[in-house]
N, C-alpha and C. Protein backbone atom coordinates (compact mmCIF):
# COMPACT_ATOMS: atom_id res chain seq x y z
N ASP A 1 -16.05 138.09 9.25
CA ASP A 1 -16.12 138.85 8.12
C ASP A 1 -15.38 138.38 7.08
N ALA A 2 -16.25 138.34 5.69
CA ALA A 2 -15.36 138.10 4.21
C ALA A 2 -14.10 139.23 4.27
N GLY A 3 -13.24 138.53 3.83
CA GLY A 3 -12.07 138.95 3.10
C GLY A 3 -10.68 138.53 3.78
N VAL A 4 -9.37 138.98 3.51
CA VAL A 4 -8.22 138.41 4.24
C VAL A 4 -8.19 138.51 5.45
N GLN A 5 -7.92 137.56 6.30
CA GLN A 5 -7.63 137.24 7.46
C GLN A 5 -6.29 136.75 7.89
N ASN A 6 -5.70 137.43 8.77
CA ASN A 6 -4.68 136.90 9.22
C ASN A 6 -4.29 136.23 10.52
N ILE A 7 -4.35 134.91 10.54
CA ILE A 7 -4.67 134.14 12.08
C ILE A 7 -2.80 133.64 12.57
N THR A 8 -2.78 134.04 13.93
CA THR A 8 -1.95 134.05 14.50
C THR A 8 -1.85 132.74 15.69
N VAL A 9 -0.96 132.16 15.84
CA VAL A 9 -1.68 130.84 16.94
C VAL A 9 -0.09 131.36 17.73
N THR A 10 0.10 131.42 19.01
CA THR A 10 1.32 131.29 19.61
C THR A 10 1.27 130.58 21.11
N ALA A 11 2.25 129.59 21.14
CA ALA A 11 2.32 128.83 22.09
C ALA A 11 3.59 129.06 23.24
N THR A 12 3.32 129.23 24.18
CA THR A 12 4.30 129.74 24.99
C THR A 12 4.39 128.33 26.28
N ASN A 13 5.98 128.53 27.05
CA ASN A 13 5.90 127.96 28.31
C ASN A 13 6.55 129.03 29.24
N GLY A 14 7.14 128.43 30.30
CA GLY A 14 7.84 129.43 31.04
C GLY A 14 9.08 130.09 30.66
N VAL A 15 9.70 129.64 29.48
CA VAL A 15 11.25 130.07 29.09
C VAL A 15 10.95 130.17 27.83
N SER A 16 10.01 129.97 26.86
CA SER A 16 9.57 129.88 25.67
C SER A 16 8.85 130.36 24.70
N LYS A 17 8.52 131.13 23.47
CA LYS A 17 7.27 131.48 22.75
C LYS A 17 7.46 131.14 21.70
N VAL A 18 6.68 130.47 20.84
CA VAL A 18 6.74 130.09 19.32
C VAL A 18 5.01 130.65 18.89
N SER A 19 5.41 131.48 17.58
CA SER A 19 4.27 131.71 17.05
C SER A 19 4.07 131.36 15.79
N ALA A 20 2.99 130.78 14.98
CA ALA A 20 2.40 130.40 13.78
C ALA A 20 1.37 131.86 13.23
N HIS A 21 1.90 131.66 11.80
CA HIS A 21 0.55 132.83 11.22
C HIS A 21 0.47 132.04 9.91
N VAL A 22 -0.73 132.22 9.40
CA VAL A 22 -1.90 132.01 8.39
C VAL A 22 -2.50 132.80 7.98
N ILE A 23 -2.59 133.12 6.79
CA ILE A 23 -3.31 133.93 5.75
C ILE A 23 -4.41 133.10 5.41
N VAL A 24 -5.65 133.54 5.40
CA VAL A 24 -7.07 133.18 5.12
C VAL A 24 -8.05 133.66 4.31
N ASN A 25 -8.38 133.18 3.27
CA ASN A 25 -9.02 134.20 2.40
C ASN A 25 -10.63 134.03 2.82
N VAL A 26 -11.46 134.46 3.67
CA VAL A 26 -13.15 134.34 3.63
C VAL A 26 -13.73 134.55 2.92
N LEU A 27 -14.61 134.16 2.57
CA LEU A 27 -15.20 133.84 1.12
C LEU A 27 -17.03 133.70 2.05
N ARG A 28 -17.96 134.52 1.16
CA ARG A 28 -19.45 134.79 1.32
C ARG A 28 -19.77 133.57 0.19
N PRO A 29 -20.58 132.70 0.72
CA PRO A 29 -20.89 131.78 -0.17
C PRO A 29 -22.14 132.18 -1.07
N VAL A 30 -22.32 131.82 -2.39
CA VAL A 30 -22.85 131.92 -3.33
C VAL A 30 -24.27 132.10 -2.59
N SER A 31 -25.06 133.03 -3.09
CA SER A 31 -26.63 133.15 -2.45
C SER A 31 -27.68 133.75 -3.45
N ASN A 32 -28.49 133.22 -3.38
CA ASN A 32 -29.83 134.28 -3.93
C ASN A 32 -29.81 134.75 -5.65
N LEU A 33 -29.38 133.52 -5.90
CA LEU A 33 -29.16 133.27 -7.59
C LEU A 33 -30.35 133.32 -8.16
N GLN A 34 -30.51 134.16 -9.15
CA GLN A 34 -31.59 134.43 -9.88
C GLN A 34 -31.90 134.59 -11.18
N ILE A 35 -32.92 134.29 -12.20
CA ILE A 35 -33.06 134.66 -13.35
C ILE A 35 -34.21 135.37 -13.64
N ALA A 36 -33.84 136.74 -14.28
CA ALA A 36 -34.89 137.63 -14.82
C ALA A 36 -34.94 137.47 -16.17
N VAL A 37 -36.44 137.47 -16.63
CA VAL A 37 -36.53 137.26 -18.29
C VAL A 37 -37.22 138.58 -18.53
N ASN A 38 -36.75 139.10 -19.38
CA ASN A 38 -37.62 140.49 -19.55
C ASN A 38 -37.73 141.60 -18.12
N ASN A 39 -36.88 141.59 -17.40
CA ASN A 39 -37.12 141.93 -16.30
C ASN A 39 -38.17 141.41 -15.33
N GLN A 40 -38.88 140.16 -15.51
CA GLN A 40 -39.55 139.68 -14.82
C GLN A 40 -39.01 138.62 -13.85
N ASN A 41 -38.95 138.57 -12.64
CA ASN A 41 -38.63 137.60 -11.35
C ASN A 41 -39.42 136.52 -11.18
N THR A 42 -40.30 135.55 -12.04
CA THR A 42 -41.25 134.92 -11.79
C THR A 42 -40.97 133.52 -11.99
N PRO A 43 -41.40 132.86 -11.68
CA PRO A 43 -41.00 131.08 -11.84
C PRO A 43 -41.51 130.74 -13.24
N THR A 44 -42.31 131.33 -13.59
CA THR A 44 -42.93 131.26 -15.31
C THR A 44 -42.94 132.63 -15.95
N VAL A 45 -42.51 132.33 -17.32
CA VAL A 45 -42.63 133.94 -17.79
C VAL A 45 -42.96 133.47 -19.29
N TYR A 46 -43.91 134.36 -19.72
CA TYR A 46 -44.53 133.83 -21.29
C TYR A 46 -43.54 135.02 -22.09
N VAL A 47 -43.13 134.79 -22.89
CA VAL A 47 -42.05 135.61 -24.00
C VAL A 47 -42.70 135.37 -25.53
N ARG A 48 -42.84 136.27 -26.44
CA ARG A 48 -42.98 136.13 -28.11
C ARG A 48 -41.92 135.70 -28.74
N ASN A 49 -42.43 134.50 -29.15
CA ASN A 49 -41.40 133.89 -30.53
C ASN A 49 -40.91 134.84 -31.67
N ASP A 50 -41.37 136.21 -31.58
CA ASP A 50 -40.41 136.92 -32.73
C ASP A 50 -39.90 138.01 -32.39
N VAL A 51 -39.52 137.80 -30.93
CA VAL A 51 -38.69 139.17 -30.46
C VAL A 51 -37.72 138.34 -29.13
N GLU A 52 -36.55 138.98 -29.69
CA GLU A 52 -35.63 137.97 -28.00
C GLU A 52 -36.05 138.74 -26.91
N ALA A 53 -35.66 137.88 -26.30
CA ALA A 53 -36.00 137.64 -24.47
C ALA A 53 -34.75 137.78 -23.94
N LEU A 54 -34.52 138.58 -23.05
CA LEU A 54 -33.34 138.98 -22.17
C LEU A 54 -33.42 138.59 -20.86
N LEU A 55 -32.32 137.58 -20.69
CA LEU A 55 -32.31 137.19 -19.70
C LEU A 55 -30.85 137.56 -19.29
N VAL A 56 -31.20 137.69 -17.61
CA VAL A 56 -29.92 138.39 -16.81
C VAL A 56 -30.01 137.55 -15.33
N ALA A 57 -29.01 137.15 -15.19
CA ALA A 57 -28.59 136.23 -14.02
C ALA A 57 -27.82 137.39 -12.93
N SER A 58 -28.31 136.98 -11.86
CA SER A 58 -27.47 137.73 -10.43
C SER A 58 -27.66 136.97 -9.11
N CYS A 59 -26.49 137.18 -8.24
CA CYS A 59 -26.58 136.51 -7.01
C CYS A 59 -25.80 137.22 -6.03
N ALA A 60 -25.29 136.69 -4.89
CA ALA A 60 -24.52 137.27 -4.16
C ALA A 60 -23.39 136.62 -3.58
N GLY A 61 -22.62 137.01 -3.18
CA GLY A 61 -21.05 136.18 -2.82
C GLY A 61 -20.23 136.75 -3.44
N ASP A 62 -18.97 136.06 -3.05
CA ASP A 62 -17.64 136.71 -3.13
C ASP A 62 -16.76 135.58 -3.98
N GLN A 63 -16.15 136.60 -5.08
CA GLN A 63 -15.19 135.65 -6.07
C GLN A 63 -16.02 134.47 -6.96
N ILE A 64 -17.30 135.06 -7.52
CA ILE A 64 -18.16 134.02 -8.36
C ILE A 64 -17.50 133.79 -9.68
N LYS A 65 -17.37 132.87 -10.01
CA LYS A 65 -16.74 132.48 -11.06
C LYS A 65 -17.97 132.29 -12.30
N PRO A 66 -17.62 132.30 -13.48
CA PRO A 66 -18.55 132.59 -14.76
C PRO A 66 -19.59 131.84 -14.56
N TYR A 67 -20.78 132.43 -15.11
CA TYR A 67 -22.26 131.90 -14.80
C TYR A 67 -22.10 130.63 -16.34
N THR A 68 -22.90 129.54 -15.70
CA THR A 68 -22.98 128.12 -16.79
C THR A 68 -24.33 128.09 -17.38
N TRP A 69 -24.87 128.58 -18.29
CA TRP A 69 -26.43 128.55 -18.93
C TRP A 69 -26.54 127.07 -19.85
N SER A 70 -27.82 126.89 -19.61
CA SER A 70 -28.34 125.51 -20.28
C SER A 70 -29.94 126.10 -20.79
N ILE A 71 -30.47 125.61 -21.65
CA ILE A 71 -31.97 125.92 -22.33
C ILE A 71 -32.09 124.36 -22.89
N SER A 72 -33.71 124.10 -22.28
CA SER A 72 -33.92 122.51 -22.72
C SER A 72 -34.78 122.79 -22.87
N SER A 73 -35.89 121.61 -23.55
CA SER A 73 -37.47 121.46 -23.67
C SER A 73 -37.44 120.24 -23.54
N SER A 74 -39.12 119.79 -23.84
CA SER A 74 -39.42 118.57 -23.79
C SER A 74 -38.19 117.59 -24.67
N TYR A 75 -38.20 118.11 -25.52
CA TYR A 75 -37.16 116.88 -26.27
C TYR A 75 -35.68 117.11 -26.37
N GLY A 76 -35.25 117.82 -25.23
CA GLY A 76 -33.92 117.50 -24.40
C GLY A 76 -33.23 118.72 -24.39
N LEU A 77 -32.24 119.04 -24.31
CA LEU A 77 -31.01 119.82 -24.11
C LEU A 77 -30.99 120.44 -25.70
N ILE A 78 -31.11 122.01 -25.60
CA ILE A 78 -31.06 122.79 -26.76
C ILE A 78 -29.66 123.55 -26.88
N SER A 79 -29.49 124.10 -25.84
CA SER A 79 -28.16 125.14 -26.02
C SER A 79 -27.51 125.20 -24.73
N THR A 80 -26.10 125.01 -24.60
CA THR A 80 -25.29 125.62 -23.35
C THR A 80 -24.11 126.71 -23.83
N ASP A 81 -24.92 127.42 -25.10
CA ASP A 81 -23.77 128.28 -25.67
C ASP A 81 -23.41 129.83 -24.76
N LEU A 82 -24.63 129.72 -23.88
CA LEU A 82 -24.82 131.60 -23.50
C LEU A 82 -23.51 131.59 -22.32
N GLU A 83 -23.33 132.97 -22.79
CA GLU A 83 -22.20 133.42 -21.71
C GLU A 83 -22.48 134.46 -20.38
N GLY A 84 -21.72 134.56 -19.70
CA GLY A 84 -21.67 135.98 -19.14
C GLY A 84 -23.01 136.15 -18.11
N PRO A 85 -23.44 137.47 -17.65
CA PRO A 85 -24.39 137.34 -16.66
C PRO A 85 -26.07 137.80 -17.29
N SER A 86 -25.44 138.13 -18.66
CA SER A 86 -26.93 138.43 -19.53
C SER A 86 -26.75 138.01 -20.97
N ASN A 87 -27.60 137.56 -21.82
CA ASN A 87 -27.78 137.03 -22.76
C ASN A 87 -29.47 137.49 -23.70
N GLU A 88 -29.27 137.71 -24.67
CA GLU A 88 -30.52 137.73 -25.49
C GLU A 88 -31.08 136.32 -26.35
N VAL A 89 -31.66 135.71 -26.41
CA VAL A 89 -32.27 134.41 -26.83
C VAL A 89 -33.64 134.60 -27.60
N LEU A 90 -33.92 134.33 -28.75
CA LEU A 90 -35.10 134.06 -29.50
C LEU A 90 -35.43 132.84 -29.29
N PHE A 91 -36.72 132.85 -28.74
CA PHE A 91 -37.67 131.18 -28.74
C PHE A 91 -38.43 131.25 -30.01
N SER A 92 -37.95 130.77 -31.04
CA SER A 92 -38.61 131.27 -32.37
C SER A 92 -40.02 129.85 -32.33
N GLU A 93 -39.51 128.83 -31.65
CA GLU A 93 -40.48 127.66 -31.58
C GLU A 93 -41.15 127.61 -30.67
N ILE A 94 -42.69 127.55 -30.65
CA ILE A 94 -43.71 127.70 -29.91
C ILE A 94 -43.98 126.36 -28.77
N GLY A 95 -43.55 126.65 -27.21
CA GLY A 95 -43.45 125.65 -26.45
C GLY A 95 -42.80 125.84 -25.02
N GLU A 96 -42.73 125.20 -24.04
CA GLU A 96 -42.22 125.28 -22.88
C GLU A 96 -40.55 125.05 -23.22
N PHE A 97 -39.91 125.72 -22.12
CA PHE A 97 -38.61 125.80 -21.97
C PHE A 97 -37.96 125.90 -20.85
N THR A 98 -37.24 125.13 -20.49
CA THR A 98 -36.59 125.70 -19.05
C THR A 98 -35.04 126.16 -19.35
N ILE A 99 -35.06 126.95 -18.44
CA ILE A 99 -33.55 128.25 -18.60
C ILE A 99 -33.01 127.65 -16.91
N THR A 100 -31.68 126.93 -16.92
CA THR A 100 -30.77 126.88 -16.00
C THR A 100 -29.28 127.51 -16.09
N VAL A 101 -29.20 128.42 -14.58
CA VAL A 101 -28.08 128.89 -14.68
C VAL A 101 -27.58 128.71 -13.18
N SER A 102 -26.21 128.02 -13.65
CA SER A 102 -25.52 127.87 -12.18
C SER A 102 -24.13 128.53 -12.07
N THR A 103 -23.34 128.75 -10.92
CA THR A 103 -22.31 129.16 -10.69
C THR A 103 -21.58 129.13 -9.49
N GLU A 104 -20.30 128.86 -9.10
CA GLU A 104 -19.86 128.80 -7.91
C GLU A 104 -18.58 129.60 -7.60
N ASN A 105 -18.33 129.84 -6.19
CA ASN A 105 -17.01 130.28 -5.93
C ASN A 105 -16.04 128.85 -5.07
N LYS A 106 -15.16 129.19 -4.40
CA LYS A 106 -14.65 128.47 -3.61
C LYS A 106 -15.00 127.28 -2.45
N VAL A 107 -16.45 127.95 -2.13
CA VAL A 107 -16.87 127.26 -0.80
C VAL A 107 -18.07 127.38 -1.12
N SER A 108 -18.65 127.09 -2.12
CA SER A 108 -20.01 127.23 -2.47
C SER A 108 -20.68 126.83 -4.23
N LYS A 109 -21.68 126.35 -4.28
CA LYS A 109 -21.92 126.06 -5.40
C LYS A 109 -23.55 126.46 -5.41
N ALA A 110 -24.45 126.94 -6.89
CA ALA A 110 -25.62 127.64 -6.56
C ALA A 110 -26.20 127.31 -8.34
N GLN A 111 -27.40 127.17 -8.16
CA GLN A 111 -27.96 126.51 -9.37
C GLN A 111 -29.41 127.24 -9.13
N SER A 112 -30.16 127.84 -10.38
CA SER A 112 -31.56 128.28 -10.38
C SER A 112 -32.16 128.24 -11.62
N SER A 113 -33.44 127.95 -11.67
CA SER A 113 -34.01 127.64 -12.99
C SER A 113 -35.44 128.62 -13.17
N VAL A 114 -35.89 128.43 -14.50
CA VAL A 114 -36.78 129.13 -14.68
C VAL A 114 -37.74 128.59 -16.02
N THR A 115 -39.10 128.75 -15.86
CA THR A 115 -39.77 128.09 -17.09
C THR A 115 -40.26 129.20 -18.02
N VAL A 116 -39.87 129.15 -19.03
CA VAL A 116 -39.98 130.15 -20.30
C VAL A 116 -41.09 129.46 -21.52
N ILE A 117 -42.12 130.26 -21.87
CA ILE A 117 -43.31 129.80 -22.72
C ILE A 117 -43.39 130.42 -23.71
N SER A 118 -42.84 129.96 -24.90
CA SER A 118 -42.92 131.01 -26.19
C SER A 118 -44.45 130.74 -26.84
N MET A 119 -44.88 132.06 -27.26
CA MET A 119 -46.23 132.22 -27.79
C MET A 119 -46.09 133.05 -29.04
N GLU A 120 -46.67 132.72 -30.06
CA GLU A 120 -47.41 133.74 -31.24
C GLU A 120 -48.14 135.11 -30.25
N PRO A 121 -47.74 136.16 -30.88
CA PRO A 121 -48.72 137.23 -30.51
C PRO A 121 -49.83 137.22 -31.53
N VAL A 122 -50.97 137.70 -30.90
CA VAL A 122 -52.23 137.84 -31.43
C VAL A 122 -51.43 138.33 -32.89
N LYS A 123 -52.24 138.00 -34.24
CA LYS A 123 -52.54 138.04 -35.00
C LYS A 123 -53.68 138.73 -36.15
N GLN A 124 -54.58 138.14 -35.45
CA GLN A 124 -56.21 138.16 -36.54
C GLN A 124 -57.07 138.36 -35.28
N ALA A 125 -57.68 139.42 -35.46
CA ALA A 125 -59.06 139.83 -34.75
C ALA A 125 -59.98 140.72 -35.43
N LEU A 126 -61.11 139.97 -36.40
CA LEU A 126 -61.89 140.50 -36.96
C LEU A 126 -63.66 140.26 -36.45
N ILE A 127 -64.62 141.08 -36.91
CA ILE A 127 -65.94 140.97 -36.44
C ILE A 127 -66.68 140.66 -37.36
N SER A 128 -67.23 139.35 -37.65
CA SER A 128 -68.19 139.02 -38.30
C SER A 128 -69.67 139.25 -38.34
N TYR A 129 -70.19 140.08 -39.08
CA TYR A 129 -71.96 140.53 -38.69
C TYR A 129 -72.35 140.58 -39.69
N SER A 130 -73.55 139.79 -40.22
CA SER A 130 -73.95 139.76 -41.36
C SER A 130 -75.79 140.51 -41.31
N GLY A 131 -76.04 140.92 -40.45
CA GLY A 131 -76.78 142.16 -40.44
C GLY A 131 -76.92 143.02 -41.60
N GLU A 132 -78.13 144.16 -41.33
CA GLU A 132 -78.28 145.30 -41.96
C GLU A 132 -77.35 146.45 -40.84
N GLU A 133 -76.78 147.30 -41.88
CA GLU A 133 -76.24 148.58 -41.00
C GLU A 133 -77.03 149.22 -40.10
N CYS A 134 -78.14 149.37 -40.47
CA CYS A 134 -79.18 149.86 -39.82
C CYS A 134 -79.72 148.76 -38.99
N ILE A 135 -80.20 149.13 -37.70
CA ILE A 135 -80.46 147.83 -36.58
C ILE A 135 -81.63 148.37 -35.71
N VAL A 136 -82.94 147.85 -36.10
CA VAL A 136 -84.07 147.74 -35.31
C VAL A 136 -84.14 147.94 -33.94
N ILE A 137 -84.62 149.05 -33.14
CA ILE A 137 -84.23 149.10 -31.95
C ILE A 137 -85.12 147.72 -31.16
N HIS A 138 -84.69 147.46 -30.22
CA HIS A 138 -84.70 146.18 -29.27
C HIS A 138 -84.76 144.75 -30.03
N ASP A 139 -84.19 144.79 -31.07
CA ASP A 139 -83.80 143.33 -31.63
C ASP A 139 -82.26 143.08 -31.34
N ASP A 140 -82.45 141.46 -31.36
CA ASP A 140 -81.32 141.03 -30.43
C ASP A 140 -80.16 140.88 -32.16
N VAL A 141 -78.90 141.21 -31.58
CA VAL A 141 -77.94 141.45 -32.72
C VAL A 141 -77.01 140.71 -32.30
N GLU A 142 -76.77 139.96 -33.54
CA GLU A 142 -75.39 139.18 -33.38
C GLU A 142 -74.46 139.07 -33.90
N MET A 143 -73.39 138.96 -33.25
CA MET A 143 -71.54 139.23 -33.73
C MET A 143 -70.90 137.95 -33.35
N ASN A 144 -69.91 137.87 -34.08
CA ASN A 144 -68.83 136.55 -33.98
C ASN A 144 -67.62 137.17 -34.36
N ALA A 145 -66.66 136.71 -33.74
CA ALA A 145 -64.84 137.23 -33.35
C ALA A 145 -64.59 135.94 -34.45
N ILE A 146 -63.54 136.88 -35.28
CA ILE A 146 -62.75 135.89 -36.12
C ILE A 146 -61.35 135.96 -35.66
N VAL A 147 -61.18 134.74 -34.74
CA VAL A 147 -59.49 135.04 -34.29
C VAL A 147 -58.65 133.65 -34.90
N ASP A 148 -57.62 133.57 -34.56
CA ASP A 148 -56.57 132.90 -35.31
C ASP A 148 -56.18 131.81 -34.35
N HIS A 149 -56.43 131.80 -32.92
CA HIS A 149 -56.07 130.55 -32.04
C HIS A 149 -57.41 130.73 -30.57
N PRO A 150 -57.76 129.62 -30.32
CA PRO A 150 -58.89 129.27 -29.71
C PRO A 150 -58.84 129.96 -28.40
N GLU A 151 -57.30 129.70 -27.80
CA GLU A 151 -57.03 129.96 -26.44
C GLU A 151 -56.96 131.80 -26.11
N TYR A 152 -57.29 132.52 -26.94
CA TYR A 152 -57.40 133.64 -26.61
C TYR A 152 -58.60 134.73 -25.93
N ALA A 153 -58.30 135.18 -25.18
CA ALA A 153 -58.65 136.37 -24.05
C ALA A 153 -59.54 137.01 -24.77
N ILE A 154 -61.08 137.20 -24.92
CA ILE A 154 -61.90 137.93 -25.83
C ILE A 154 -62.61 138.99 -24.78
N GLU A 155 -62.53 140.40 -25.36
CA GLU A 155 -63.03 141.40 -24.35
C GLU A 155 -64.53 142.41 -25.82
N TRP A 156 -65.31 142.00 -25.33
CA TRP A 156 -66.58 143.03 -26.33
C TRP A 156 -66.92 144.21 -25.37
N THR A 157 -66.53 145.84 -26.32
CA THR A 157 -67.38 146.34 -25.77
C THR A 157 -68.23 147.39 -26.76
N VAL A 158 -69.33 147.84 -25.94
CA VAL A 158 -70.42 148.52 -26.83
C VAL A 158 -70.26 149.96 -26.51
N GLN A 159 -70.07 150.89 -27.33
CA GLN A 159 -69.51 152.28 -27.38
C GLN A 159 -70.66 152.97 -27.57
N GLN A 160 -71.70 153.87 -26.86
CA GLN A 160 -72.43 154.87 -27.69
C GLN A 160 -71.96 156.32 -28.37
N ILE A 161 -71.59 156.46 -29.41
CA ILE A 161 -71.22 157.62 -29.93
C ILE A 161 -72.21 158.79 -29.77
N LEU A 162 -71.86 159.81 -28.96
CA LEU A 162 -72.72 160.93 -28.83
C LEU A 162 -72.56 162.33 -29.28
N PRO A 163 -73.51 163.19 -29.92
CA PRO A 163 -73.72 164.18 -30.60
C PRO A 163 -72.25 165.00 -30.49
N SER A 164 -71.50 165.20 -29.16
CA SER A 164 -70.64 165.82 -29.37
C SER A 164 -69.44 165.06 -30.13
N GLY A 165 -69.31 164.11 -30.41
CA GLY A 165 -68.25 163.35 -31.00
C GLY A 165 -67.83 162.09 -30.09
N ASP A 166 -67.89 162.60 -28.59
CA ASP A 166 -66.87 161.70 -27.77
C ASP A 166 -68.26 160.60 -27.80
N SER A 167 -67.66 158.97 -27.11
CA SER A 167 -67.98 157.82 -26.67
C SER A 167 -67.95 157.88 -25.41
N THR A 168 -69.65 156.92 -25.06
CA THR A 168 -69.35 156.22 -23.61
C THR A 168 -69.68 154.69 -23.73
N VAL A 169 -68.97 154.28 -22.93
CA VAL A 169 -69.02 152.74 -22.84
C VAL A 169 -70.51 152.85 -22.40
N VAL A 170 -71.22 151.88 -23.08
CA VAL A 170 -72.47 151.16 -22.33
C VAL A 170 -72.83 149.58 -21.86
N PHE A 171 -71.43 149.14 -22.36
CA PHE A 171 -71.90 147.48 -22.13
C PHE A 171 -70.38 146.75 -22.13
N THR A 172 -69.73 146.10 -21.29
CA THR A 172 -68.71 145.22 -21.55
C THR A 172 -68.59 143.96 -21.41
N SER A 173 -68.10 143.26 -22.09
CA SER A 173 -68.20 141.47 -21.58
C SER A 173 -66.91 141.15 -21.71
N LEU A 174 -66.59 140.30 -20.65
CA LEU A 174 -65.70 139.59 -20.47
C LEU A 174 -65.27 138.17 -20.39
N SER A 175 -66.43 137.27 -21.07
CA SER A 175 -67.05 135.99 -21.11
C SER A 175 -66.03 135.21 -21.98
N ASN A 176 -65.21 135.92 -22.91
CA ASN A 176 -64.08 135.36 -23.85
C ASN A 176 -65.01 134.34 -24.69
N ALA A 177 -66.13 134.85 -25.05
CA ALA A 177 -67.01 133.94 -25.99
C ALA A 177 -66.44 134.57 -27.43
N THR A 178 -66.87 133.64 -28.56
CA THR A 178 -66.19 134.53 -30.14
C THR A 178 -68.11 135.12 -30.23
N ARG A 179 -68.86 134.40 -29.89
CA ARG A 179 -70.31 134.68 -29.88
C ARG A 179 -70.67 135.95 -29.09
N PHE A 180 -71.43 136.84 -29.93
CA PHE A 180 -71.48 137.94 -29.06
C PHE A 180 -73.05 138.37 -29.56
N MET A 181 -73.87 138.34 -28.21
CA MET A 181 -75.51 138.97 -28.28
C MET A 181 -75.25 140.29 -27.87
N PHE A 182 -76.05 141.19 -28.38
CA PHE A 182 -76.56 142.49 -28.02
C PHE A 182 -77.72 142.88 -28.37
N THR A 183 -78.30 143.78 -27.33
CA THR A 183 -79.82 144.46 -27.95
C THR A 183 -79.47 146.15 -27.60
N PHE A 184 -79.64 146.51 -28.72
CA PHE A 184 -79.80 148.02 -28.57
C PHE A 184 -80.84 148.71 -28.16
N THR A 185 -81.09 149.29 -26.97
CA THR A 185 -82.51 149.91 -26.15
C THR A 185 -82.39 151.30 -26.26
N GLN A 186 -81.35 151.57 -27.31
CA GLN A 186 -81.43 153.23 -27.15
C GLN A 186 -81.41 153.91 -28.94
N ILE A 187 -82.22 154.71 -29.54
CA ILE A 187 -81.65 155.14 -30.54
C ILE A 187 -80.19 155.60 -30.86
N GLY A 188 -79.53 155.53 -31.77
CA GLY A 188 -78.20 156.10 -31.93
C GLY A 188 -77.29 155.42 -32.81
N ASN A 189 -75.94 155.73 -32.29
CA ASN A 189 -74.92 155.48 -33.26
C ASN A 189 -73.85 155.01 -32.28
N TYR A 190 -73.34 153.57 -32.48
CA TYR A 190 -72.54 152.72 -31.74
C TYR A 190 -71.59 152.19 -32.39
N ASP A 191 -70.39 152.33 -31.93
CA ASP A 191 -69.05 151.59 -31.81
C ASP A 191 -69.19 149.90 -30.85
N VAL A 192 -68.92 148.91 -31.96
CA VAL A 192 -68.80 147.46 -30.89
C VAL A 192 -67.23 147.54 -31.12
N VAL A 193 -66.58 147.43 -30.23
CA VAL A 193 -65.12 146.89 -30.28
C VAL A 193 -64.90 145.76 -29.80
N LEU A 194 -63.84 144.85 -30.58
CA LEU A 194 -63.76 143.58 -29.88
C LEU A 194 -62.03 143.98 -29.47
N GLU A 195 -61.44 143.29 -28.28
CA GLU A 195 -60.08 143.20 -28.03
C GLU A 195 -60.07 141.73 -27.90
N VAL A 196 -58.88 141.15 -28.99
CA VAL A 196 -58.43 140.12 -27.91
C VAL A 196 -56.99 140.60 -27.98
N SER A 197 -56.75 139.45 -26.63
CA SER A 197 -55.51 139.43 -26.28
C SER A 197 -54.95 138.01 -26.09
N ASN A 198 -53.45 137.85 -25.63
CA ASN A 198 -53.07 136.65 -24.76
C ASN A 198 -52.04 136.97 -24.20
N LYS A 199 -51.16 136.40 -23.33
CA LYS A 199 -50.06 136.33 -22.58
C LYS A 199 -49.15 137.14 -22.58
N VAL A 200 -48.84 137.66 -24.27
CA VAL A 200 -47.73 138.16 -24.96
C VAL A 200 -47.97 139.41 -26.01
């Protein structure tokens, strides 16, 4: 078991006995060293470039020395100024970063890394429609999404507005297409909703 142990060795013969004592400190090695980014314990974490990310290190073991942190990218080492088990870091540059933490005690060492990908949040999502406000039933209608990044996930939803004022979804498209074609087969009022998202 871990802890301070008193070990005694005794030697005897027929006429005498001698004992020796030694005190040893038994330590558990460093194990299960992990990095959580914004409470996510995954190999790759996506963060916003305009909000500080919370980095938290944890591990098991006895008499653990302070954590050592480093942040690097494809351009090389960026920072080693982080201290303690938790830090808040702003990844203002867009790109991929490697966060590494290490620690040790008198019987072992451990190191763990996680990849952080910094992205801009969605800033623009508009619908471009050049047709008339009133649409002829059974005519094809074309709309286009105006977004500020080509890799956004795009979802189109058509909702019919009921006489009560409530609405019901009549169509949803998850095709990620910026161009949307739809045919209105029933007379009425409709809302066309464009939802644009990325991983942050």
